[in-house]
Structures are given as structure tokens and as C-alpha cells.
C-alpha atoms as a PDB file:
ATOM      1  CA  UNK A   1      70.105  58.177 110.536  1.00  0.00           C
ATOM      2  CA  UNK A   2      67.644  58.629 107.689  1.00  0.00           C
ATOM      3  CA  UNK A   3      69.186  57.334 104.449  1.00  0.00           C
ATOM      4  CA  UNK A   4      66.434  58.676 102.179  1.00  0.00           C
ATOM      5  CA  UNK A   5      67.459  61.224  99.569  1.00  0.00           C
ATOM      6  CA  UNK A   6      67.131  64.836 100.682  1.00  0.00           C
ATOM      7  CA  UNK A   7      64.488  66.685  98.650  1.00  0.00           C
ATOM      8  CA  UNK A   8      63.540  70.339  98.386  1.00  0.00           C
ATOM      9  CA  UNK A   9      60.020  69.568  99.582  1.00  0.00           C
ATOM     10  CA  UNK A  10      61.226  67.823 102.715  1.00  0.00           C
ATOM     11  CA  UNK A  11      63.815  70.488 103.530  1.00  0.00           C
ATOM     12  CA  UNK A  12      61.355  73.357 102.999  1.00  0.00           C
ATOM     13  CA  UNK A  13      58.979  71.804 105.534  1.00  0.00           C
ATOM     14  CA  UNK A  14      61.356  71.689 108.492  1.00  0.00           C
ATOM     15  CA  UNK A  15      64.516  73.726 107.873  1.00  0.00           C
ATOM     16  CA  UNK A  16      64.475  76.963 109.892  1.00  0.00           C
ATOM     17  CA  UNK A  17      66.787  79.940 110.340  1.00  0.00           C
ATOM     18  CA  UNK A  18      67.643  78.682 113.830  1.00  0.00           C
ATOM     19  CA  UNK A  19      69.108  75.500 112.280  1.00  0.00           C
ATOM     20  CA  UNK A  20      71.393  77.597 110.081  1.00  0.00           C
ATOM     21  CA  UNK A  21      72.381  79.760 113.051  1.00  0.00           C
ATOM     22  CA  UNK A  22      73.247  76.619 114.985  1.00  0.00           C
ATOM     23  CA  UNK A  23      75.494  75.231 112.239  1.00  0.00           C
ATOM     24  CA  UNK A  24      77.159  78.592 111.589  1.00  0.00           C
ATOM     25  CA  UNK A  25      77.829  79.248 115.277  1.00  0.00           C
ATOM     26  CA  UNK A  26      79.039  75.720 115.997  1.00  0.00           C
ATOM     27  CA  UNK A  27      81.471  75.821 113.067  1.00  0.00           C
ATOM     28  CA  UNK A  28      82.909  79.041 114.482  1.00  0.00           C
ATOM     29  CA  UNK A  29      83.106  77.946 118.125  1.00  0.00           C
ATOM     30  CA  UNK A  30      83.673  74.168 117.752  1.00  0.00           C
ATOM     31  CA  UNK A  31      82.074  73.989 121.211  1.00  0.00           C
ATOM     32  CA  UNK A  32      78.515  73.070 122.254  1.00  0.00           C
ATOM     33  CA  UNK A  33      78.617  75.006 125.533  1.00  0.00           C
ATOM     34  CA  UNK A  34      79.791  78.260 123.914  1.00  0.00           C
ATOM     35  CA  UNK A  35      77.299  77.803 121.074  1.00  0.00           C
ATOM     36  CA  UNK A  36      74.456  77.404 123.576  1.00  0.00           C
ATOM     37  CA  UNK A  37      75.521  80.600 125.349  1.00  0.00           C
ATOM     38  CA  UNK A  38      75.712  82.592 122.123  1.00  0.00           C
ATOM     39  CA  UNK A  39      72.298  81.369 120.998  1.00  0.00           C
ATOM     40  CA  UNK A  40      70.834  81.942 124.472  1.00  0.00           C
ATOM     41  CA  UNK A  41      69.679  78.325 124.714  1.00  0.00           C
ATOM     42  CA  UNK A  42      70.502  75.419 126.997  1.00  0.00           C
ATOM     43  CA  UNK A  43      73.120  72.910 125.916  1.00  0.00           C
ATOM     44  CA  UNK A  44      70.581  70.018 125.913  1.00  0.00           C
ATOM     45  CA  UNK A  45      68.362  72.071 123.591  1.00  0.00           C
ATOM     46  CA  UNK A  46      71.308  72.711 121.260  1.00  0.00           C
ATOM     47  CA  UNK A  47      72.261  69.018 121.286  1.00  0.00           C
ATOM     48  CA  UNK A  48      68.704  67.957 120.442  1.00  0.00           C
ATOM     49  CA  UNK A  49      68.448  70.527 117.646  1.00  0.00           C
ATOM     50  CA  UNK A  50      71.686  69.243 116.104  1.00  0.00           C
ATOM     51  CA  UNK A  51      70.592  65.591 116.390  1.00  0.00           C
ATOM     52  CA  UNK A  52      67.256  66.417 114.758  1.00  0.00           C
ATOM     53  CA  UNK A  53      68.981  68.299 111.932  1.00  0.00           C
ATOM     54  CA  UNK A  54      71.433  65.467 111.273  1.00  0.00           C
ATOM     55  CA  UNK A  55      68.605  62.925 111.367  1.00  0.00           C
ATOM     56  CA  UNK A  56      66.532  64.878 108.873  1.00  0.00           C
ATOM     57  CA  UNK A  57      69.498  65.380 106.523  1.00  0.00           C
ATOM     58  CA  UNK A  58      70.587  61.786 106.879  1.00  0.00           C
ATOM     59  CA  UNK A  59      74.256  62.356 107.692  1.00  0.00           C
ATOM     60  CA  UNK A  60      76.418  63.706 110.548  1.00  0.00           C
ATOM     61  CA  UNK A  61      77.454  67.341 110.380  1.00  0.00           C
ATOM     62  CA  UNK A  62      80.090  67.192 113.118  1.00  0.00           C
ATOM     63  CA  UNK A  63      82.514  64.689 114.572  1.00  0.00           C
ATOM     64  CA  UNK A  64      82.105  64.545 118.341  1.00  0.00           C
ATOM     65  CA  UNK A  65      85.585  64.750 119.825  1.00  0.00           C
ATOM     66  CA  UNK A  66      86.702  65.045 123.441  1.00  0.00           C
ATOM     67  CA  UNK A  67      87.376  68.775 123.409  1.00  0.00           C
ATOM     68  CA  UNK A  68      85.689  70.085 120.307  1.00  0.00           C
ATOM     69  CA  UNK A  69      83.234  69.517 117.467  1.00  0.00           C
ATOM     70  CA  UNK A  70      84.871  69.239 114.050  1.00  0.00           C
ATOM     71  CA  UNK A  71      82.662  69.613 110.952  1.00  0.00           C
ATOM     72  CA  UNK A  72      82.558  66.688 108.545  1.00  0.00           C
ATOM     73  CA  UNK A  73      83.085  67.235 104.824  1.00  0.00           C
ATOM     74  CA  UNK A  74      79.321  67.462 104.311  1.00  0.00           C
ATOM     75  CA  UNK A  75      79.117  69.585 107.434  1.00  0.00           C
ATOM     76  CA  UNK A  76      81.511  72.104 105.870  1.00  0.00           C
ATOM     77  CA  UNK A  77      79.250  72.271 102.818  1.00  0.00           C
ATOM     78  CA  UNK A  78      76.139  72.839 104.948  1.00  0.00           C
ATOM     79  CA  UNK A  79      78.003  75.472 106.989  1.00  0.00           C
ATOM     80  CA  UNK A  80      78.954  77.363 103.830  1.00  0.00           C
ATOM     81  CA  UNK A  81      75.311  77.337 102.699  1.00  0.00           C
ATOM     82  CA  UNK A  82      74.228  78.469 106.171  1.00  0.00           C
ATOM     83  CA  UNK A  83      76.620  81.435 106.129  1.00  0.00           C
ATOM     84  CA  UNK A  84      75.531  82.541 102.651  1.00  0.00           C
ATOM     85  CA  UNK A  85      71.839  82.230 103.550  1.00  0.00           C
ATOM     86  CA  UNK A  86      72.252  84.131 106.818  1.00  0.00           C
ATOM     87  CA  UNK A  87      74.112  86.939 105.040  1.00  0.00           C
ATOM     88  CA  UNK A  88      71.376  87.034 102.401  1.00  0.00           C
ATOM     89  CA  UNK A  89      68.707  87.162 105.104  1.00  0.00           C
ATOM     90  CA  UNK A  90      70.516  90.020 106.847  1.00  0.00           C
ATOM     91  CA  UNK A  91      70.597  91.919 103.555  1.00  0.00           C
ATOM     92  CA  UNK A  92      66.867  91.225 103.085  1.00  0.00           C
ATOM     93  CA  UNK A  93      66.091  92.662 106.536  1.00  0.00           C
ATOM     94  CA  UNK A  94      68.176  95.780 105.858  1.00  0.00           C
ATOM     95  CA  UNK A  95      66.517  96.336 102.476  1.00  0.00           C
ATOM     96  CA  UNK A  96      63.014  95.920 103.905  1.00  0.00           C
ATOM     97  CA  UNK A  97      63.693  98.439 106.663  1.00  0.00           C
ATOM     98  CA  UNK A  98      65.138 100.937 104.180  1.00  0.00           C
ATOM     99  CA  UNK A  99      62.093 100.627 101.913  1.00  0.00           C
ATOM    100  CA  UNK A 100      59.662 100.927 104.841  1.00  0.00           C
ATOM    101  CA  UNK A 101      61.295 104.216 105.807  1.00  0.00           C
ATOM    102  CA  UNK A 102      60.685 105.572 102.307  1.00  0.00           C
ATOM    103  CA  UNK A 103      64.116 104.816 100.902  1.00  0.00           C
ATOM    104  CA  UNK A 104      64.931 103.499  97.449  1.00  0.00           C
ATOM    105  CA  UNK A 105      66.789 100.436  98.643  1.00  0.00           C
ATOM    106  CA  UNK A 106      70.363  99.704  99.637  1.00  0.00           C
ATOM    107  CA  UNK A 107      73.351  98.672  97.510  1.00  0.00           C
ATOM    108  CA  UNK A 108      76.570  97.245  98.920  1.00  0.00           C
ATOM    109  CA  UNK A 109      79.410  97.879  96.486  1.00  0.00           C
ATOM    110  CA  UNK A 110      82.919  96.468  96.769  1.00  0.00           C
ATOM    111  CA  UNK A 111      85.796  97.987  94.833  1.00  0.00           C
ATOM    112  CA  UNK A 112      89.518  97.607  94.405  1.00  0.00           C
ATOM    113  CA  UNK A 113      91.351 100.742  95.454  1.00  0.00           C
ATOM    114  CA  UNK A 114      91.971 102.053  91.940  1.00  0.00           C
ATOM    115  CA  UNK A 115      88.290 101.891  90.972  1.00  0.00           C
ATOM    116  CA  UNK A 116      87.336 104.222  93.819  1.00  0.00           C
ATOM    117  CA  UNK A 117      89.310 106.980  92.127  1.00  0.00           C
ATOM    118  CA  UNK A 118      88.233 106.336  88.527  1.00  0.00           C
ATOM    119  CA  UNK A 119      84.619 105.562  87.546  1.00  0.00           C
ATOM    120  CA  UNK A 120      83.048 104.840  90.936  1.00  0.00           C
ATOM    121  CA  UNK A 121      82.780 108.405  92.335  1.00  0.00           C
ATOM    122  CA  UNK A 122      81.169 109.754  89.144  1.00  0.00           C
ATOM    123  CA  UNK A 123      78.733 106.834  88.949  1.00  0.00           C
ATOM    124  CA  UNK A 124      77.703 107.270  92.587  1.00  0.00           C
ATOM    125  CA  UNK A 125      77.219 111.014  92.132  1.00  0.00           C
ATOM    126  CA  UNK A 126      74.972 110.474  89.111  1.00  0.00           C
ATOM    127  CA  UNK A 127      72.787 107.766  90.613  1.00  0.00           C
ATOM    128  CA  UNK A 128      72.394 109.778  93.833  1.00  0.00           C
ATOM    129  CA  UNK A 129      71.041 112.649  91.716  1.00  0.00           C
ATOM    130  CA  UNK A 130      68.540 110.241  90.183  1.00  0.00           C
ATOM    131  CA  UNK A 131      67.693 108.523  93.482  1.00  0.00           C
ATOM    132  CA  UNK A 132      68.597 110.648  96.508  1.00  0.00           C
ATOM    133  CA  UNK A 133      67.111 108.126  98.947  1.00  0.00           C
ATOM    134  CA  UNK A 134      69.096 105.174  97.573  1.00  0.00           C
ATOM    135  CA  UNK A 135      71.611 104.099 100.211  1.00  0.00           C
ATOM    136  CA  UNK A 136      75.028 103.071  98.848  1.00  0.00           C
ATOM    137  CA  UNK A 137      77.711 101.418 100.963  1.00  0.00           C
ATOM    138  CA  UNK A 138      81.229 101.196  99.492  1.00  0.00           C
ATOM    139  CA  UNK A 139      83.879  98.781 100.762  1.00  0.00           C
ATOM    140  CA  UNK A 140      87.476  98.949  99.510  1.00  0.00           C
ATOM    141  CA  UNK A 141      89.493  95.730  99.508  1.00  0.00           C
ATOM    142  CA  UNK A 142      91.643  93.509  97.311  1.00  0.00           C
ATOM    143  CA  UNK A 143      90.062  91.439  94.535  1.00  0.00           C
ATOM    144  CA  UNK A 144      90.462  88.179  96.478  1.00  0.00           C
ATOM    145  CA  UNK A 145      88.662  89.524  99.531  1.00  0.00           C
ATOM    146  CA  UNK A 146      85.922  91.178  97.490  1.00  0.00           C
ATOM    147  CA  UNK A 147      85.244  87.993  95.508  1.00  0.00           C
ATOM    148  CA  UNK A 148      84.877  86.027  98.748  1.00  0.00           C
ATOM    149  CA  UNK A 149      82.484  88.631 100.143  1.00  0.00           C
ATOM    150  CA  UNK A 150      80.470  88.603  96.904  1.00  0.00           C
ATOM    151  CA  UNK A 151      80.219  84.805  96.948  1.00  0.00           C
ATOM    152  CA  UNK A 152      78.940  84.926 100.541  1.00  0.00           C
ATOM    153  CA  UNK A 153      76.397  87.604  99.576  1.00  0.00           C
ATOM    154  CA  UNK A 154      77.952  90.262 101.767  1.00  0.00           C
ATOM    155  CA  UNK A 155      78.132  92.496  98.677  1.00  0.00           C
ATOM    156  CA  UNK A 156      75.722  93.051  95.779  1.00  0.00           C
ATOM    157  CA  UNK A 157      78.296  93.959  93.140  1.00  0.00           C
ATOM    158  CA  UNK A 158      82.042  94.495  93.021  1.00  0.00           C
ATOM    159  CA  UNK A 159      84.518  96.293  90.776  1.00  0.00           C
ATOM    160  CA  UNK A 160      87.531  94.017  90.711  1.00  0.00           C
ATOM    161  CA  UNK A 161      89.221  91.329  88.635  1.00  0.00           C
ATOM    162  CA  UNK A 162      89.246  87.550  88.580  1.00  0.00           C
ATOM    163  CA  UNK A 163      92.240  86.079  90.378  1.00  0.00           C
ATOM    164  CA  UNK A 164      91.552  82.415  89.522  1.00  0.00           C
ATOM    165  CA  UNK A 165      90.220  80.686  86.399  1.00  0.00           C
ATOM    166  CA  UNK A 166      87.453  79.053  88.466  1.00  0.00           C
ATOM    167  CA  UNK A 167      85.928  82.456  89.206  1.00  0.00           C
ATOM    168  CA  UNK A 168      84.342  82.546  85.748  1.00  0.00           C
ATOM    169  CA  UNK A 169      82.129  79.626  86.810  1.00  0.00           C
ATOM    170  CA  UNK A 170      80.790  81.505  89.838  1.00  0.00           C
ATOM    171  CA  UNK A 171      80.564  85.076  88.585  1.00  0.00           C
ATOM    172  CA  UNK A 172      79.622  87.258  85.621  1.00  0.00           C
ATOM    173  CA  UNK A 173      82.296  89.717  84.474  1.00  0.00           C
ATOM    174  CA  UNK A 174      81.837  92.875  82.395  1.00  0.00           C
ATOM    175  CA  UNK A 175      85.087  94.680  81.598  1.00  0.00           C
ATOM    176  CA  UNK A 176      85.503  98.357  82.494  1.00  0.00           C
ATOM    177  CA  UNK A 177      89.045  98.820  81.243  1.00  0.00           C
ATOM    178  CA  UNK A 178      92.731  98.014  81.738  1.00  0.00           C
ATOM    179  CA  UNK A 179      94.602  99.018  84.876  1.00  0.00           C
ATOM    180  CA  UNK A 180      98.197 100.041  84.099  1.00  0.00           C
ATOM    181  CA  UNK A 181     100.849 100.441  86.767  1.00  0.00           C
ATOM    182  CA  UNK A 182     103.854 102.708  87.087  1.00  0.00           C
ATOM    183  CA  UNK A 183     107.065 102.563  89.104  1.00  0.00           C
ATOM    184  CA  UNK A 184     107.255 105.702  91.234  1.00  0.00           C
ATOM    185  CA  UNK A 185     109.393 107.442  93.845  1.00  0.00           C
ATOM    186  CA  UNK A 186     109.299 110.836  95.502  1.00  0.00           C
ATOM    187  CA  UNK A 187     110.846 113.557  93.351  1.00  0.00           C
ATOM    188  CA  UNK A 188     113.857 113.890  95.707  1.00  0.00           C
ATOM    189  CA  UNK A 189     114.878 110.268  95.115  1.00  0.00           C
ATOM    190  CA  UNK A 190     118.312 109.938  93.426  1.00  0.00           C
ATOM    191  CA  UNK A 191     116.813 107.666  90.753  1.00  0.00           C
ATOM    192  CA  UNK A 192     114.542 110.494  89.615  1.00  0.00           C
ATOM    193  CA  UNK A 193     117.611 112.381  88.435  1.00  0.00           C
ATOM    194  CA  UNK A 194     118.500 109.635  85.924  1.00  0.00           C
ATOM    195  CA  UNK A 195     117.164 109.734  82.378  1.00  0.00           C
ATOM    196  CA  UNK A 196     117.298 105.930  82.116  1.00  0.00           C
ATOM    197  CA  UNK A 197     117.492 103.335  84.892  1.00  0.00           C
ATOM    198  CA  UNK A 198     118.687  99.795  84.219  1.00  0.00           C
ATOM    199  CA  UNK A 199     116.612  97.068  85.808  1.00  0.00           C
ATOM    200  CA  UNK A 200     119.357  95.694  88.061  1.00  0.00           C
ATOM    201  CA  UNK A 201     119.789  99.078  89.765  1.00  0.00           C
ATOM    202  CA  UNK A 202     116.183  98.927  90.968  1.00  0.00           C
ATOM    203  CA  UNK A 203     116.871  96.010  93.308  1.00  0.00           C
ATOM    204  CA  UNK A 204     119.485  97.980  95.254  1.00  0.00           C
ATOM    205  CA  UNK A 205     116.840 100.334  96.638  1.00  0.00           C
ATOM    206  CA  UNK A 206     114.138  99.695  99.273  1.00  0.00           C
ATOM    207  CA  UNK A 207     110.680  98.878  97.920  1.00  0.00           C
ATOM    208  CA  UNK A 208     107.131  99.178  99.221  1.00  0.00           C
ATOM    209  CA  UNK A 209     105.269  96.163  97.846  1.00  0.00           C
ATOM    210  CA  UNK A 210     101.959  94.365  97.994  1.00  0.00           C
ATOM    211  CA  UNK A 211     102.001  91.076  99.982  1.00  0.00           C
ATOM    212  CA  UNK A 212     102.860  87.849  98.169  1.00  0.00           C
ATOM    213  CA  UNK A 213      99.266  86.567  98.174  1.00  0.00           C
ATOM    214  CA  UNK A 214      97.944  89.515  96.143  1.00  0.00           C
ATOM    215  CA  UNK A 215      97.519  89.288  92.344  1.00  0.00           C
ATOM    216  CA  UNK A 216      99.621  92.385  91.608  1.00  0.00           C
ATOM    217  CA  UNK A 217     102.528  90.983  93.632  1.00  0.00           C
ATOM    218  CA  UNK A 218     102.255  87.714  91.725  1.00  0.00           C
ATOM    219  CA  UNK A 219     102.426  89.652  88.454  1.00  0.00           C
ATOM    220  CA  UNK A 220     105.418  91.576  89.802  1.00  0.00           C
ATOM    221  CA  UNK A 221     107.183  88.312  90.635  1.00  0.00           C
ATOM    222  CA  UNK A 222     106.529  87.161  87.061  1.00  0.00           C
ATOM    223  CA  UNK A 223     107.959  90.441  85.771  1.00  0.00           C
ATOM    224  CA  UNK A 224     111.096  90.000  87.897  1.00  0.00           C
ATOM    225  CA  UNK A 225     111.621  86.604  86.230  1.00  0.00           C
ATOM    226  CA  UNK A 226     110.881  87.984  82.774  1.00  0.00           C
ATOM    227  CA  UNK A 227     113.485  90.742  83.174  1.00  0.00           C
ATOM    228  CA  UNK A 228     115.890  88.337  84.919  1.00  0.00           C
ATOM    229  CA  UNK A 229     115.951  90.485  88.059  1.00  0.00           C
ATOM    230  CA  UNK A 230     116.539  89.230  91.579  1.00  0.00           C
ATOM    231  CA  UNK A 231     113.499  90.368  93.616  1.00  0.00           C
ATOM    232  CA  UNK A 232     114.411  93.092  96.122  1.00  0.00           C
ATOM    233  CA  UNK A 233     115.143  91.938  99.671  1.00  0.00           C
ATOM    234  CA  UNK A 234     114.799  95.334 101.353  1.00  0.00           C
ATOM    235  CA  UNK A 235     111.005  95.609 101.359  1.00  0.00           C
ATOM    236  CA  UNK A 236     107.956  96.703 103.322  1.00  0.00           C
ATOM    237  CA  UNK A 237     104.723  94.841 102.477  1.00  0.00           C
ATOM    238  CA  UNK A 238     101.285  96.405 102.813  1.00  0.00           C
ATOM    239  CA  UNK A 239      97.920  96.716 101.074  1.00  0.00           C
ATOM    240  CA  UNK A 240      97.274 100.104 102.690  1.00  0.00           C
ATOM    241  CA  UNK A 241      97.369 102.879 100.117  1.00  0.00           C
ATOM    242  CA  UNK A 242      97.966 105.410 102.876  1.00  0.00           C
ATOM    243  CA  UNK A 243     101.032 103.468 104.035  1.00  0.00           C
ATOM    244  CA  UNK A 244     102.350 103.310 100.469  1.00  0.00           C
ATOM    245  CA  UNK A 245     102.065 107.066 100.068  1.00  0.00           C
ATOM    246  CA  UNK A 246     103.527 107.939 103.464  1.00  0.00           C
ATOM    247  CA  UNK A 247     106.545 105.660 103.011  1.00  0.00           C
ATOM    248  CA  UNK A 248     107.226 107.006  99.533  1.00  0.00           C
ATOM    249  CA  UNK A 249     106.999 110.568 100.789  1.00  0.00           C
ATOM    250  CA  UNK A 250     109.232 110.033 103.809  1.00  0.00           C
ATOM    251  CA  UNK A 251     112.183 108.126 102.368  1.00  0.00           C
ATOM    252  CA  UNK A 252     114.106 106.832  99.322  1.00  0.00           C
ATOM    253  CA  UNK A 253     111.676 104.008  98.553  1.00  0.00           C
ATOM    254  CA  UNK A 254     110.121 102.955  95.255  1.00  0.00           C
ATOM    255  CA  UNK A 255     106.815 101.227  94.504  1.00  0.00           C
ATOM    256  CA  UNK A 256     104.797  99.816  91.625  1.00  0.00           C
ATOM    257  CA  UNK A 257     101.327 101.369  91.926  1.00  0.00           C
ATOM    258  CA  UNK A 258      98.198 101.990  89.826  1.00  0.00           C
ATOM    259  CA  UNK A 259      98.595 105.246  87.919  1.00  0.00           C
ATOM    260  CA  UNK A 260      95.228 106.475  89.150  1.00  0.00           C
ATOM    261  CA  UNK A 261      96.252 106.164  92.789  1.00  0.00           C
ATOM    262  CA  UNK A 262      99.215 108.523  92.410  1.00  0.00           C
ATOM    263  CA  UNK A 263      97.797 110.828  89.754  1.00  0.00           C
ATOM    264  CA  UNK A 264      97.548 113.866  92.050  1.00  0.00           C
ATOM    265  CA  UNK A 265     101.102 113.321  93.393  1.00  0.00           C
ATOM    266  CA  UNK A 266     102.441 113.030  89.849  1.00  0.00           C
ATOM    267  CA  UNK A 267     100.634 116.172  88.700  1.00  0.00           C
ATOM    268  CA  UNK A 268     101.894 118.168  91.690  1.00  0.00           C
ATOM    269  CA  UNK A 269     105.472 116.997  91.131  1.00  0.00           C
ATOM    270  CA  UNK A 270     105.638 115.250  94.491  1.00  0.00           C
ATOM    271  CA  UNK A 271     106.195 111.866  92.791  1.00  0.00           C
ATOM    272  CA  UNK A 272     107.867 110.956  89.528  1.00  0.00           C
ATOM    273  CA  UNK A 273     107.592 107.904  87.305  1.00  0.00           C
ATOM    274  CA  UNK A 274     110.942 106.157  87.000  1.00  0.00           C
ATOM    275  CA  UNK A 275     112.144 105.703  83.437  1.00  0.00           C
ATOM    276  CA  UNK A 276     112.977 101.992  83.328  1.00  0.00           C
ATOM    277  CA  UNK A 277     112.245  99.023  81.063  1.00  0.00           C
ATOM    278  CA  UNK A 278     110.790  97.150  84.058  1.00  0.00           C
ATOM    279  CA  UNK A 279     107.023  96.965  83.608  1.00  0.00           C
ATOM    280  CA  UNK A 280     104.133  94.984  85.057  1.00  0.00           C
ATOM    281  CA  UNK A 281     101.522  94.080  82.464  1.00  0.00           C
ATOM    282  CA  UNK A 282      98.122  95.712  83.067  1.00  0.00           C
ATOM    283  CA  UNK A 283      95.072  93.549  83.599  1.00  0.00           C
ATOM    284  CA  UNK A 284      91.431  94.319  82.969  1.00  0.00           C
ATOM    285  CA  UNK A 285      89.146  95.000  85.880  1.00  0.00           C
ATOM    286  CA  UNK A 286      85.381  95.155  85.648  1.00  0.00           C
ATOM    287  CA  UNK A 287      81.941  94.767  87.177  1.00  0.00           C
ATOM    288  CA  UNK A 288      81.455  91.358  88.803  1.00  0.00           C
ATOM    289  CA  UNK A 289      78.167  89.839  89.983  1.00  0.00           C
ATOM    290  CA  UNK A 290      77.042  86.378  91.033  1.00  0.00           C
ATOM    291  CA  UNK A 291      76.267  84.162  88.028  1.00  0.00           C
ATOM    292  CA  UNK A 292      72.620  83.313  87.272  1.00  0.00           C
ATOM    293  CA  UNK A 293      71.256  85.604  89.973  1.00  0.00           C
ATOM    294  CA  UNK A 294      68.670  88.274  89.206  1.00  0.00           C
ATOM    295  CA  UNK A 295      69.878  91.696  90.290  1.00  0.00           C
ATOM    296  CA  UNK A 296      67.709  94.214  92.099  1.00  0.00           C
ATOM    297  CA  UNK A 297      66.558  97.112  89.932  1.00  0.00           C
ATOM    298  CA  UNK A 298      68.721  99.695  91.795  1.00  0.00           C
ATOM    299  CA  UNK A 299      71.790  97.459  91.446  1.00  0.00           C
ATOM    300  CA  UNK A 300      71.126  96.986  87.728  1.00  0.00           C
ATOM    301  CA  UNK A 301      70.782 100.740  87.230  1.00  0.00           C
ATOM    302  CA  UNK A 302      73.975 101.350  89.194  1.00  0.00           C
ATOM    303  CA  UNK A 303      75.885  98.923  86.951  1.00  0.00           C
ATOM    304  CA  UNK A 304      74.509 100.602  83.829  1.00  0.00           C
ATOM    305  CA  UNK A 305      75.735 103.947  85.172  1.00  0.00           C
ATOM    306  CA  UNK A 306      79.190 102.508  85.858  1.00  0.00           C
ATOM    307  CA  UNK A 307      79.442 101.154  82.325  1.00  0.00           C
ATOM    308  CA  UNK A 308      78.325 104.473  80.840  1.00  0.00           C
ATOM    309  CA  UNK A 309      81.062 106.389  82.656  1.00  0.00           C
ATOM    310  CA  UNK A 310      83.678 103.749  81.822  1.00  0.00           C
ATOM    311  CA  UNK A 311      82.813 103.892  78.112  1.00  0.00           C
ATOM    312  CA  UNK A 312      82.879 107.696  78.095  1.00  0.00           C
ATOM    313  CA  UNK A 313      86.213 107.747  79.901  1.00  0.00           C
ATOM    314  CA  UNK A 314      87.747 105.197  77.557  1.00  0.00           C
ATOM    315  CA  UNK A 315      86.581 107.172  74.515  1.00  0.00           C
ATOM    316  CA  UNK A 316      88.003 110.397  75.965  1.00  0.00           C
ATOM    317  CA  UNK A 317      91.375 108.866  76.789  1.00  0.00           C
ATOM    318  CA  UNK A 318      91.576 107.220  73.378  1.00  0.00           C
ATOM    319  CA  UNK A 319      90.821 110.553  71.717  1.00  0.00           C
ATOM    320  CA  UNK A 320      93.403 112.457  73.763  1.00  0.00           C
ATOM    321  CA  UNK A 321      96.016 109.712  73.504  1.00  0.00           C
ATOM    322  CA  UNK A 322      96.319 109.117  77.246  1.00  0.00           C
ATOM    323  CA  UNK A 323      96.453 105.707  78.913  1.00  0.00           C
ATOM    324  CA  UNK A 324      93.542 104.404  80.916  1.00  0.00           C
ATOM    325  CA  UNK A 325      94.161 104.787  84.592  1.00  0.00           C
ATOM    326  CA  UNK A 326      93.622 102.219  87.103  1.00  0.00           C
ATOM    327  CA  UNK A 327      94.766  97.468  92.507  1.00  0.00           C
ATOM    328  CA  UNK A 328      94.204  94.270  93.085  1.00  0.00           C
END
């Protein structure tokens, strides 16, 4: 194989989209025959394309094994680049087609569940008044999943929070506000009749909880240790807000949820906040974009609108003495 150093000039002369498609597909299938079928090419053509790519890069991308093709360490790196570039290219194609049809572009926004009920709806409504032909796609997920999608360029901007210290090296973060949580149950729950609930009593009731891998659950586990409470064993785990609400409504379960997500149920009297010392510390969420990447003008304007509404909301809540509302 070629041992010369890889340069931008050399790569720009021969690297094509089909090479990236090959690497991306082969990493997914681990099989030359299936890859050839998916790319609508013959297996010899696929094999030659891979050999040429490895020769030009100067290192093997895959280990040829009896039953499958396993990516090498460098192969994994190339595959990650291929996936990001293909996603970026797909976004480019979508944007071009939108603009050709007279649109004002396309923004893909990711948001944690709480954000979709706080600043996001108002910001979308305002920017749609300014730019009716701007297409906005909103995806709700947890912070971890949104950050991965943002890194792979499947989203333009997200409203979420960092879940690892290393995220600050990859992304820019602009705070929108804190996201407090409250422990709630339906108003018929026996605990709602108590003026004060000791922390140990909480563990005797069934809980609806976020899964262990989510940041809010990790903060809850820390809170259990802080208050010297044995974590509840009678639990249902979900990230579905609809499931949370239905389970709380249908039985004697309790849950720690963002205040904003249960605001209407609290106001109607359907749910009540349990009066207990047990608390999970709030954490700031905000606008997150890829570091050192120039944003499109519509995306930049959308972010400015988000920040305007967040600042106005914070000022209003501070003036009225209410807490900021705000999932992982």
C-alpha cells in the first residue's frame, strides 16, 4: 500500500461520494455481497473500489475475515467521516430543492421534551410570521441522542444540555435557563393528602422513572445517595412523556418530571406536587451548535429568536417571583 502521507490535494482529486457510500454501507453490513446488492453493483466492482480506496489512503480499512468484514481502527474513523459527510450532503440536497421551489430554506431542530413546551413554540411561531416559506422540522429526543445527531449533522441546532465534559470541545453552548423538576402524583394519591412526606416513605410507592442511561436518572441516583434513600425497586422505566402521564393518571405512582411538562395537569388539579425534602438539582439547558461551523442565515435568525423569548421569559418569571420551567 502507498505509505505517502495523505494530503488534502490528493484526496480532493480522487475521493468521490461513491467511496463514502461504500465505506458506510460496508460498516453497516460487514458483508461484501450484501453491500454490492445495496449499491446495485457487482461484488468484483465493490472489491476493486475498496482496494483502490485503501491503496490511495495507504492503509487497510477492513480486516478480511471468513464470514465478515470488520473495520480497522482507522477504518472506523473513515466510516465516521463518511457518515457525517453523507448526512451533510443529504441536507445540502434538501436545502437546494427547497430554495429552488421558492422556499426560504430548511432548519432541522432537535429539542429535549421540556423545551418544546417552553420557548420553542413561541420562537417557531414568530419566525414563521417573518418567513412563511421557511421549513422547520422539530425532533424530540433526549440530550444524548440529540447531541449524537448534531455531531453527525442530522440536525442544524438543538435545545438540550451537555451530558459529558468532552461535549464542550465539540459544541458551542448558549444557556436558555434552568430546568427544575418536581415530584408529582395524581391528586387521588394517598401521599397528596399529607402536608409533609418524609423521604423514606417515597420508596414504598411505585415510581415511573427515566432509564438509567439518561442524565436526569443519573441525577436522581445522586439525589437518592445525598438523602440516604434506598432507590425504589417497584419501577417502570420510560422516556415517553405520554407513558409517564398515562401511568400517573391511572394508578398510585409517583414521578420526578420537569415542571413545564406537567404544568397543565397541575393547574387543572389533576396532579399535585408532593411536599417532600427530596429534590433533584436543576441543570441549565440551552442552544447547542457544532463548534467552529458557520451557521446558515435562517438558523442564526432562529437562534436569535429563541434567545429573545428565553430572555423575556426569564425576566417575566423573575419579576413575578415564579420559577423557570423546564428533560434530558
